[in-house]
N, C-alpha and C. Protein backbone atom coordinates (compact mmCIF):
# COMPACT_ATOMS: atom_id res chain seq x y z
N MET A 1 13.59 -1.13 -8.10
CA MET A 1 13.77 -0.85 -9.51
C MET A 1 15.16 -0.26 -9.72
N PRO A 2 15.89 -0.83 -10.63
CA PRO A 2 17.21 -0.26 -10.94
C PRO A 2 17.07 1.15 -11.50
N ASN A 3 18.05 1.99 -11.21
CA ASN A 3 18.01 3.37 -11.68
C ASN A 3 18.18 3.50 -13.19
N ASP A 4 18.70 2.46 -13.83
CA ASP A 4 18.98 2.57 -15.26
C ASP A 4 17.79 2.18 -16.13
N VAL A 5 16.64 1.86 -15.55
CA VAL A 5 15.45 1.53 -16.34
C VAL A 5 14.89 2.81 -16.93
N ARG A 6 14.71 2.80 -18.23
CA ARG A 6 14.16 3.97 -18.93
C ARG A 6 12.74 3.62 -19.39
N LEU A 7 11.82 4.49 -19.06
CA LEU A 7 10.43 4.30 -19.48
C LEU A 7 10.09 5.33 -20.55
N ASP A 8 9.50 4.85 -21.64
CA ASP A 8 9.05 5.78 -22.66
C ASP A 8 7.55 6.05 -22.46
N ASP A 9 6.98 6.85 -23.34
CA ASP A 9 5.56 7.22 -23.21
C ASP A 9 4.65 6.00 -23.30
N THR A 10 5.02 5.01 -24.09
CA THR A 10 4.22 3.80 -24.21
C THR A 10 4.22 3.02 -22.90
N ASP A 11 5.40 2.85 -22.30
CA ASP A 11 5.49 2.17 -21.00
C ASP A 11 4.63 2.89 -19.97
N ARG A 12 4.73 4.20 -19.95
CA ARG A 12 3.96 4.99 -18.98
C ARG A 12 2.46 4.84 -19.22
N ALA A 13 2.05 4.81 -20.46
CA ALA A 13 0.63 4.65 -20.77
C ALA A 13 0.13 3.27 -20.34
N ILE A 14 0.95 2.25 -20.52
CA ILE A 14 0.59 0.90 -20.07
C ILE A 14 0.45 0.89 -18.55
N LEU A 15 1.40 1.48 -17.85
CA LEU A 15 1.35 1.53 -16.39
C LEU A 15 0.14 2.32 -15.90
N GLU A 16 -0.18 3.40 -16.58
CA GLU A 16 -1.36 4.18 -16.19
C GLU A 16 -2.63 3.35 -16.35
N ALA A 17 -2.74 2.64 -17.47
CA ALA A 17 -3.93 1.81 -17.69
C ALA A 17 -4.04 0.73 -16.62
N LEU A 18 -2.93 0.08 -16.30
CA LEU A 18 -2.95 -0.98 -15.28
C LEU A 18 -3.21 -0.43 -13.89
N SER A 19 -2.73 0.78 -13.61
CA SER A 19 -2.97 1.35 -12.28
C SER A 19 -4.43 1.73 -12.10
N GLU A 20 -5.12 2.04 -13.18
CA GLU A 20 -6.55 2.34 -13.10
C GLU A 20 -7.38 1.08 -12.99
N ASP A 21 -6.96 0.02 -13.68
CA ASP A 21 -7.69 -1.25 -13.63
C ASP A 21 -6.71 -2.37 -13.96
N ALA A 22 -6.23 -3.04 -12.92
CA ALA A 22 -5.24 -4.10 -13.11
C ALA A 22 -5.82 -5.33 -13.80
N ARG A 23 -7.14 -5.38 -13.94
CA ARG A 23 -7.77 -6.53 -14.60
C ARG A 23 -8.01 -6.31 -16.09
N LEU A 24 -7.58 -5.18 -16.62
CA LEU A 24 -7.76 -4.93 -18.04
C LEU A 24 -7.08 -6.03 -18.85
N PRO A 25 -7.77 -6.60 -19.81
CA PRO A 25 -7.11 -7.60 -20.66
C PRO A 25 -6.06 -6.93 -21.56
N ASN A 26 -5.10 -7.71 -21.95
CA ASN A 26 -4.00 -7.22 -22.77
C ASN A 26 -4.51 -6.50 -24.02
N ASN A 27 -5.53 -7.06 -24.68
CA ASN A 27 -6.06 -6.44 -25.91
C ASN A 27 -6.60 -5.04 -25.64
N ALA A 28 -7.27 -4.86 -24.50
CA ALA A 28 -7.82 -3.54 -24.16
C ALA A 28 -6.72 -2.54 -23.87
N ILE A 29 -5.67 -3.00 -23.19
CA ILE A 29 -4.54 -2.11 -22.91
C ILE A 29 -3.88 -1.71 -24.23
N ALA A 30 -3.64 -2.69 -25.09
CA ALA A 30 -3.00 -2.42 -26.38
C ALA A 30 -3.81 -1.41 -27.19
N GLU A 31 -5.12 -1.60 -27.23
CA GLU A 31 -5.98 -0.67 -27.97
C GLU A 31 -5.91 0.73 -27.37
N ARG A 32 -5.97 0.81 -26.07
CA ARG A 32 -5.94 2.11 -25.39
C ARG A 32 -4.61 2.84 -25.65
N VAL A 33 -3.52 2.08 -25.65
CA VAL A 33 -2.19 2.67 -25.81
C VAL A 33 -1.85 2.89 -27.28
N GLY A 34 -2.50 2.14 -28.17
CA GLY A 34 -2.25 2.30 -29.59
C GLY A 34 -1.11 1.45 -30.12
N ILE A 35 -0.97 0.23 -29.56
CA ILE A 35 0.07 -0.69 -30.03
C ILE A 35 -0.56 -2.06 -30.26
N ALA A 36 0.19 -2.93 -30.91
CA ALA A 36 -0.28 -4.29 -31.15
C ALA A 36 -0.34 -5.07 -29.84
N PRO A 37 -1.29 -5.99 -29.70
CA PRO A 37 -1.38 -6.80 -28.48
C PRO A 37 -0.09 -7.55 -28.16
N SER A 38 0.60 -8.07 -29.18
CA SER A 38 1.85 -8.79 -28.92
C SER A 38 2.92 -7.85 -28.37
N THR A 39 2.98 -6.64 -28.89
CA THR A 39 3.92 -5.64 -28.38
C THR A 39 3.58 -5.26 -26.95
N CYS A 40 2.29 -5.10 -26.68
CA CYS A 40 1.84 -4.75 -25.33
C CYS A 40 2.25 -5.84 -24.34
N LEU A 41 2.03 -7.09 -24.71
CA LEU A 41 2.38 -8.20 -23.82
C LEU A 41 3.89 -8.22 -23.56
N GLN A 42 4.69 -8.00 -24.60
CA GLN A 42 6.14 -7.94 -24.43
C GLN A 42 6.54 -6.81 -23.49
N ARG A 43 5.90 -5.67 -23.65
CA ARG A 43 6.20 -4.51 -22.79
C ARG A 43 5.86 -4.81 -21.33
N ILE A 44 4.69 -5.41 -21.10
CA ILE A 44 4.28 -5.74 -19.73
C ILE A 44 5.25 -6.73 -19.11
N ARG A 45 5.64 -7.74 -19.87
CA ARG A 45 6.62 -8.71 -19.35
C ARG A 45 7.95 -8.03 -19.02
N ALA A 46 8.39 -7.11 -19.87
CA ALA A 46 9.65 -6.39 -19.61
C ALA A 46 9.52 -5.51 -18.37
N LEU A 47 8.37 -4.88 -18.18
CA LEU A 47 8.15 -4.05 -16.99
C LEU A 47 8.17 -4.90 -15.73
N ARG A 48 7.66 -6.11 -15.81
CA ARG A 48 7.70 -7.02 -14.65
C ARG A 48 9.12 -7.49 -14.39
N ARG A 49 9.84 -7.89 -15.44
CA ARG A 49 11.22 -8.37 -15.27
C ARG A 49 12.12 -7.29 -14.67
N SER A 50 11.91 -6.06 -15.07
CA SER A 50 12.76 -4.96 -14.59
C SER A 50 12.41 -4.52 -13.18
N GLY A 51 11.27 -4.97 -12.67
CA GLY A 51 10.86 -4.58 -11.33
C GLY A 51 10.03 -3.31 -11.27
N VAL A 52 9.76 -2.71 -12.42
CA VAL A 52 8.91 -1.51 -12.45
C VAL A 52 7.48 -1.90 -12.09
N LEU A 53 6.99 -2.96 -12.67
CA LEU A 53 5.65 -3.47 -12.38
C LEU A 53 5.83 -4.63 -11.41
N ARG A 54 5.48 -4.37 -10.15
CA ARG A 54 5.78 -5.34 -9.09
C ARG A 54 4.62 -6.25 -8.74
N GLY A 55 3.43 -5.96 -9.16
CA GLY A 55 2.32 -6.83 -8.82
C GLY A 55 0.99 -6.21 -9.19
N PHE A 56 -0.05 -6.98 -8.96
CA PHE A 56 -1.42 -6.57 -9.24
C PHE A 56 -2.21 -6.78 -7.97
N HIS A 57 -3.06 -5.83 -7.62
CA HIS A 57 -3.72 -5.88 -6.32
C HIS A 57 -5.23 -5.73 -6.46
N ALA A 58 -5.94 -6.31 -5.50
CA ALA A 58 -7.39 -6.21 -5.46
C ALA A 58 -7.80 -5.26 -4.34
N GLU A 59 -8.79 -4.44 -4.60
CA GLU A 59 -9.40 -3.60 -3.57
C GLU A 59 -10.45 -4.45 -2.89
N VAL A 60 -10.35 -4.60 -1.59
CA VAL A 60 -11.25 -5.46 -0.84
C VAL A 60 -12.08 -4.60 0.11
N ASP A 61 -13.37 -4.87 0.18
CA ASP A 61 -14.26 -4.19 1.13
C ASP A 61 -14.00 -4.79 2.51
N LEU A 62 -13.27 -4.05 3.35
CA LEU A 62 -12.89 -4.57 4.66
C LEU A 62 -14.10 -4.80 5.55
N ALA A 63 -15.14 -4.01 5.40
CA ALA A 63 -16.36 -4.22 6.19
C ALA A 63 -16.99 -5.57 5.86
N ALA A 64 -16.93 -5.97 4.60
CA ALA A 64 -17.48 -7.26 4.20
C ALA A 64 -16.70 -8.41 4.82
N LEU A 65 -15.46 -8.15 5.22
CA LEU A 65 -14.63 -9.16 5.87
C LEU A 65 -14.71 -9.08 7.39
N GLY A 66 -15.61 -8.23 7.87
CA GLY A 66 -15.78 -8.11 9.32
C GLY A 66 -14.79 -7.18 9.98
N ARG A 67 -14.15 -6.31 9.20
CA ARG A 67 -13.18 -5.35 9.75
C ARG A 67 -13.50 -3.94 9.26
N PRO A 68 -14.63 -3.38 9.70
CA PRO A 68 -15.04 -2.07 9.19
C PRO A 68 -14.31 -0.88 9.81
N LEU A 69 -13.66 -1.08 10.94
CA LEU A 69 -12.99 0.02 11.64
C LEU A 69 -11.53 0.07 11.21
N GLN A 70 -11.10 1.23 10.71
CA GLN A 70 -9.71 1.39 10.31
C GLN A 70 -9.07 2.50 11.13
N ALA A 71 -7.77 2.39 11.32
CA ALA A 71 -7.04 3.39 12.09
C ALA A 71 -5.61 3.49 11.58
N MET A 72 -5.02 4.64 11.84
CA MET A 72 -3.59 4.85 11.65
C MET A 72 -2.99 4.96 13.04
N ILE A 73 -1.95 4.20 13.29
CA ILE A 73 -1.29 4.23 14.58
C ILE A 73 0.11 4.79 14.39
N ALA A 74 0.36 5.94 15.03
CA ALA A 74 1.68 6.57 14.98
C ALA A 74 2.52 5.96 16.09
N ILE A 75 3.71 5.51 15.74
CA ILE A 75 4.57 4.80 16.70
C ILE A 75 5.94 5.45 16.75
N ARG A 76 6.43 5.63 17.97
CA ARG A 76 7.82 6.04 18.19
C ARG A 76 8.53 4.89 18.86
N LEU A 77 9.72 4.58 18.39
CA LEU A 77 10.51 3.50 18.96
C LEU A 77 11.40 4.00 20.08
N THR A 78 11.80 3.07 20.94
CA THR A 78 12.71 3.42 22.04
C THR A 78 14.15 3.52 21.56
N VAL A 79 14.52 2.67 20.61
CA VAL A 79 15.89 2.60 20.10
C VAL A 79 15.84 2.72 18.59
N HIS A 80 16.83 3.40 18.01
CA HIS A 80 16.84 3.61 16.57
C HIS A 80 18.06 2.99 15.90
N LYS A 81 18.42 1.80 16.32
CA LYS A 81 19.50 1.05 15.67
C LYS A 81 18.89 0.20 14.56
N ARG A 82 19.68 0.01 13.52
CA ARG A 82 19.18 -0.71 12.35
C ARG A 82 18.57 -2.06 12.71
N GLU A 83 19.22 -2.81 13.59
CA GLU A 83 18.72 -4.14 13.95
C GLU A 83 17.32 -4.05 14.56
N GLN A 84 17.12 -3.08 15.44
CA GLN A 84 15.81 -2.93 16.08
C GLN A 84 14.77 -2.44 15.08
N ILE A 85 15.17 -1.53 14.22
CA ILE A 85 14.25 -1.03 13.20
C ILE A 85 13.82 -2.16 12.28
N ASP A 86 14.78 -2.94 11.79
CA ASP A 86 14.46 -4.06 10.90
C ASP A 86 13.59 -5.09 11.60
N ALA A 87 13.91 -5.41 12.85
CA ALA A 87 13.13 -6.40 13.60
C ALA A 87 11.71 -5.90 13.84
N PHE A 88 11.56 -4.64 14.20
CA PHE A 88 10.23 -4.10 14.44
C PHE A 88 9.41 -4.09 13.16
N THR A 89 10.02 -3.68 12.06
CA THR A 89 9.32 -3.65 10.78
C THR A 89 8.79 -5.04 10.43
N GLN A 90 9.63 -6.05 10.53
CA GLN A 90 9.20 -7.42 10.22
C GLN A 90 8.10 -7.88 11.17
N HIS A 91 8.26 -7.57 12.44
CA HIS A 91 7.28 -7.99 13.45
C HIS A 91 5.91 -7.37 13.17
N VAL A 92 5.86 -6.06 13.00
CA VAL A 92 4.57 -5.37 12.87
C VAL A 92 3.89 -5.73 11.55
N ARG A 93 4.66 -5.99 10.50
CA ARG A 93 4.07 -6.40 9.22
C ARG A 93 3.31 -7.71 9.33
N GLY A 94 3.71 -8.55 10.27
CA GLY A 94 3.07 -9.85 10.42
C GLY A 94 1.90 -9.89 11.38
N LEU A 95 1.56 -8.76 11.98
CA LEU A 95 0.47 -8.75 12.96
C LEU A 95 -0.89 -8.79 12.26
N PRO A 96 -1.87 -9.45 12.87
CA PRO A 96 -3.20 -9.54 12.26
C PRO A 96 -3.85 -8.16 12.15
N GLY A 97 -4.44 -7.90 11.00
CA GLY A 97 -5.14 -6.64 10.79
C GLY A 97 -4.28 -5.52 10.23
N VAL A 98 -2.98 -5.74 10.10
CA VAL A 98 -2.10 -4.70 9.56
C VAL A 98 -2.24 -4.67 8.04
N LEU A 99 -2.59 -3.50 7.51
CA LEU A 99 -2.76 -3.33 6.07
C LEU A 99 -1.50 -2.78 5.42
N SER A 100 -0.86 -1.82 6.09
CA SER A 100 0.38 -1.23 5.56
C SER A 100 1.21 -0.71 6.72
N VAL A 101 2.51 -0.66 6.47
CA VAL A 101 3.46 -0.12 7.45
C VAL A 101 4.31 0.92 6.73
N PHE A 102 4.36 2.12 7.30
CA PHE A 102 5.14 3.20 6.73
C PHE A 102 6.24 3.58 7.71
N HIS A 103 7.50 3.49 7.30
CA HIS A 103 8.63 3.91 8.13
C HIS A 103 8.93 5.35 7.74
N LEU A 104 8.94 6.24 8.72
CA LEU A 104 8.98 7.67 8.45
C LEU A 104 10.23 8.35 9.01
N ALA A 105 10.48 9.54 8.53
CA ALA A 105 11.44 10.46 9.15
C ALA A 105 10.62 11.47 9.93
N GLY A 106 11.18 11.97 11.02
CA GLY A 106 10.47 12.97 11.81
C GLY A 106 10.17 12.46 13.20
N ALA A 107 9.24 13.10 13.88
CA ALA A 107 8.91 12.76 15.27
C ALA A 107 8.27 11.37 15.39
N THR A 108 7.56 10.94 14.37
CA THR A 108 6.95 9.62 14.36
C THR A 108 7.83 8.69 13.54
N ASP A 109 8.12 7.52 14.09
CA ASP A 109 8.96 6.56 13.37
C ASP A 109 8.17 5.72 12.38
N TYR A 110 6.93 5.37 12.75
CA TYR A 110 6.09 4.52 11.91
C TYR A 110 4.66 5.00 11.92
N LEU A 111 3.97 4.79 10.81
CA LEU A 111 2.52 4.83 10.75
C LEU A 111 2.10 3.43 10.34
N VAL A 112 1.20 2.86 11.12
CA VAL A 112 0.71 1.52 10.84
C VAL A 112 -0.78 1.63 10.57
N TRP A 113 -1.19 1.21 9.39
CA TRP A 113 -2.60 1.25 8.98
C TRP A 113 -3.19 -0.10 9.32
N VAL A 114 -4.22 -0.10 10.15
CA VAL A 114 -4.83 -1.35 10.60
C VAL A 114 -6.33 -1.35 10.35
N ALA A 115 -6.89 -2.54 10.26
CA ALA A 115 -8.34 -2.74 10.17
C ALA A 115 -8.75 -3.65 11.31
N ALA A 116 -9.85 -3.29 11.98
CA ALA A 116 -10.31 -4.04 13.14
C ALA A 116 -11.81 -4.28 13.05
N ALA A 117 -12.27 -5.25 13.82
CA ALA A 117 -13.70 -5.58 13.84
C ALA A 117 -14.51 -4.48 14.51
N ASP A 118 -13.96 -3.91 15.58
CA ASP A 118 -14.66 -2.87 16.34
C ASP A 118 -13.65 -2.19 17.26
N ALA A 119 -14.14 -1.26 18.08
CA ALA A 119 -13.24 -0.50 18.96
C ALA A 119 -12.52 -1.41 19.95
N GLN A 120 -13.21 -2.42 20.46
CA GLN A 120 -12.58 -3.35 21.41
C GLN A 120 -11.45 -4.14 20.72
N ASP A 121 -11.69 -4.57 19.51
CA ASP A 121 -10.66 -5.29 18.75
C ASP A 121 -9.45 -4.40 18.51
N LEU A 122 -9.69 -3.13 18.17
CA LEU A 122 -8.60 -2.19 17.96
C LEU A 122 -7.83 -1.97 19.26
N ARG A 123 -8.55 -1.80 20.36
CA ARG A 123 -7.92 -1.62 21.67
C ARG A 123 -7.03 -2.81 22.00
N GLU A 124 -7.54 -4.02 21.78
CA GLU A 124 -6.77 -5.23 22.07
C GLU A 124 -5.52 -5.29 21.20
N PHE A 125 -5.63 -4.87 19.95
CA PHE A 125 -4.46 -4.84 19.07
C PHE A 125 -3.38 -3.94 19.67
N VAL A 126 -3.77 -2.73 20.05
CA VAL A 126 -2.81 -1.77 20.60
C VAL A 126 -2.22 -2.28 21.91
N VAL A 127 -3.07 -2.76 22.80
CA VAL A 127 -2.60 -3.21 24.12
C VAL A 127 -1.74 -4.47 23.99
N ASP A 128 -2.22 -5.45 23.24
CA ASP A 128 -1.51 -6.73 23.15
C ASP A 128 -0.24 -6.68 22.32
N HIS A 129 -0.23 -5.88 21.26
CA HIS A 129 0.89 -5.92 20.33
C HIS A 129 1.82 -4.71 20.40
N LEU A 130 1.34 -3.58 20.87
CA LEU A 130 2.18 -2.38 20.87
C LEU A 130 2.54 -1.92 22.28
N ALA A 131 1.56 -1.80 23.14
CA ALA A 131 1.82 -1.29 24.50
C ALA A 131 2.75 -2.21 25.28
N THR A 132 2.74 -3.49 24.97
CA THR A 132 3.59 -4.45 25.68
C THR A 132 4.93 -4.68 24.99
N ASP A 133 5.13 -4.06 23.84
CA ASP A 133 6.37 -4.26 23.08
C ASP A 133 7.45 -3.31 23.61
N PRO A 134 8.57 -3.83 24.12
CA PRO A 134 9.61 -2.96 24.67
C PRO A 134 10.26 -2.06 23.61
N ALA A 135 10.09 -2.37 22.34
CA ALA A 135 10.64 -1.52 21.28
C ALA A 135 9.82 -0.26 21.08
N VAL A 136 8.57 -0.25 21.57
CA VAL A 136 7.66 0.87 21.36
C VAL A 136 7.72 1.83 22.55
N ALA A 137 8.11 3.08 22.28
CA ALA A 137 8.12 4.11 23.32
C ALA A 137 6.76 4.77 23.44
N HIS A 138 6.06 4.93 22.31
CA HIS A 138 4.78 5.64 22.31
C HIS A 138 3.96 5.19 21.10
N ALA A 139 2.66 5.04 21.31
CA ALA A 139 1.74 4.73 20.21
C ALA A 139 0.52 5.62 20.35
N GLU A 140 0.12 6.24 19.26
CA GLU A 140 -1.06 7.10 19.25
C GLU A 140 -1.96 6.68 18.10
N THR A 141 -3.21 6.37 18.43
CA THR A 141 -4.16 5.84 17.46
C THR A 141 -5.10 6.92 16.97
N SER A 142 -5.26 7.01 15.64
CA SER A 142 -6.22 7.92 15.03
C SER A 142 -7.17 7.11 14.18
N LEU A 143 -8.48 7.26 14.43
CA LEU A 143 -9.48 6.54 13.65
C LEU A 143 -9.60 7.16 12.27
N ILE A 144 -9.85 6.32 11.29
CA ILE A 144 -10.06 6.78 9.92
C ILE A 144 -11.57 6.82 9.68
N TYR A 145 -12.08 8.01 9.40
CA TYR A 145 -13.51 8.15 9.10
C TYR A 145 -13.82 7.71 7.67
N GLU A 146 -12.93 8.07 6.76
CA GLU A 146 -13.18 7.79 5.36
C GLU A 146 -11.84 7.68 4.64
N HIS A 147 -11.78 6.80 3.66
CA HIS A 147 -10.56 6.62 2.89
C HIS A 147 -10.93 6.66 1.41
N ARG A 148 -10.32 7.56 0.69
CA ARG A 148 -10.50 7.64 -0.76
C ARG A 148 -9.13 7.74 -1.40
N ARG A 149 -8.95 7.02 -2.45
CA ARG A 149 -7.68 7.07 -3.16
C ARG A 149 -7.58 8.36 -3.97
N GLY A 150 -6.36 8.87 -4.04
CA GLY A 150 -6.09 10.02 -4.88
C GLY A 150 -5.76 9.56 -6.29
N PRO A 151 -5.45 10.49 -7.15
CA PRO A 151 -5.18 10.15 -8.54
C PRO A 151 -3.83 9.49 -8.76
N GLY A 152 -3.01 9.40 -7.72
CA GLY A 152 -1.68 8.86 -7.92
C GLY A 152 -0.86 9.81 -8.76
N ILE A 153 0.05 9.28 -9.52
CA ILE A 153 0.93 10.15 -10.32
C ILE A 153 0.36 10.40 -11.71
N TRP A 154 -0.80 9.85 -12.02
CA TRP A 154 -1.29 9.88 -13.39
C TRP A 154 -2.21 11.05 -13.71
N GLY A 155 -2.76 11.72 -12.72
CA GLY A 155 -3.64 12.84 -13.04
C GLY A 155 -4.90 12.81 -12.20
N ALA A 156 -5.92 13.46 -12.69
CA ALA A 156 -7.16 13.65 -11.92
C ALA A 156 -7.95 12.36 -11.82
N ALA A 157 -8.36 12.06 -10.59
CA ALA A 157 -9.26 10.93 -10.35
C ALA A 157 -10.68 11.46 -10.31
N ASP A 158 -11.63 10.57 -10.46
CA ASP A 158 -13.03 10.93 -10.31
C ASP A 158 -13.26 11.25 -8.84
N PRO A 159 -13.52 12.53 -8.49
CA PRO A 159 -13.62 12.90 -7.08
C PRO A 159 -14.76 12.21 -6.34
N GLY A 160 -15.76 11.73 -7.04
CA GLY A 160 -16.88 11.08 -6.38
C GLY A 160 -16.74 9.57 -6.31
N ALA A 161 -15.74 9.03 -6.96
CA ALA A 161 -15.60 7.57 -7.03
C ALA A 161 -14.92 7.04 -5.78
N GLU A 162 -15.49 6.02 -5.22
CA GLU A 162 -14.85 5.34 -4.09
C GLU A 162 -13.92 4.30 -4.68
N ARG A 163 -12.72 4.23 -4.13
CA ARG A 163 -11.76 3.23 -4.62
C ARG A 163 -11.17 2.48 -3.48
């Protein structure tokens, strides 16, 4: 997003509505925000063109897809040159089961969020893709017991709601 994009209260209200439910129809967003549907549609298109609104995503039940086990894998690289960092980022993003990749500052270089079928599948992922990678100096796996989304930047979420 360019630094010169200015968002007013209406833009922020539209983004808040979409972040809560990306499937809201334009008319419902317009009503919630208090603007005409045509204005709302123009605003959403402008937010997309400017790069503020980058996409719409679906929450998927990973267990229903046969991947109920989730983990965060902390990774330290052997070399910290830009070429190796860029290559590792691209490589790990393309591995099966990778949900997100976080490049960090500090003792850990990356956190990789993965979903696996079971403990054996997770072990094979680590052994086959990380332990054998010469770019990886260390990998430490932490199982995720439960994942709940926070309220994001918009305010209080329903503490009992699974998202």
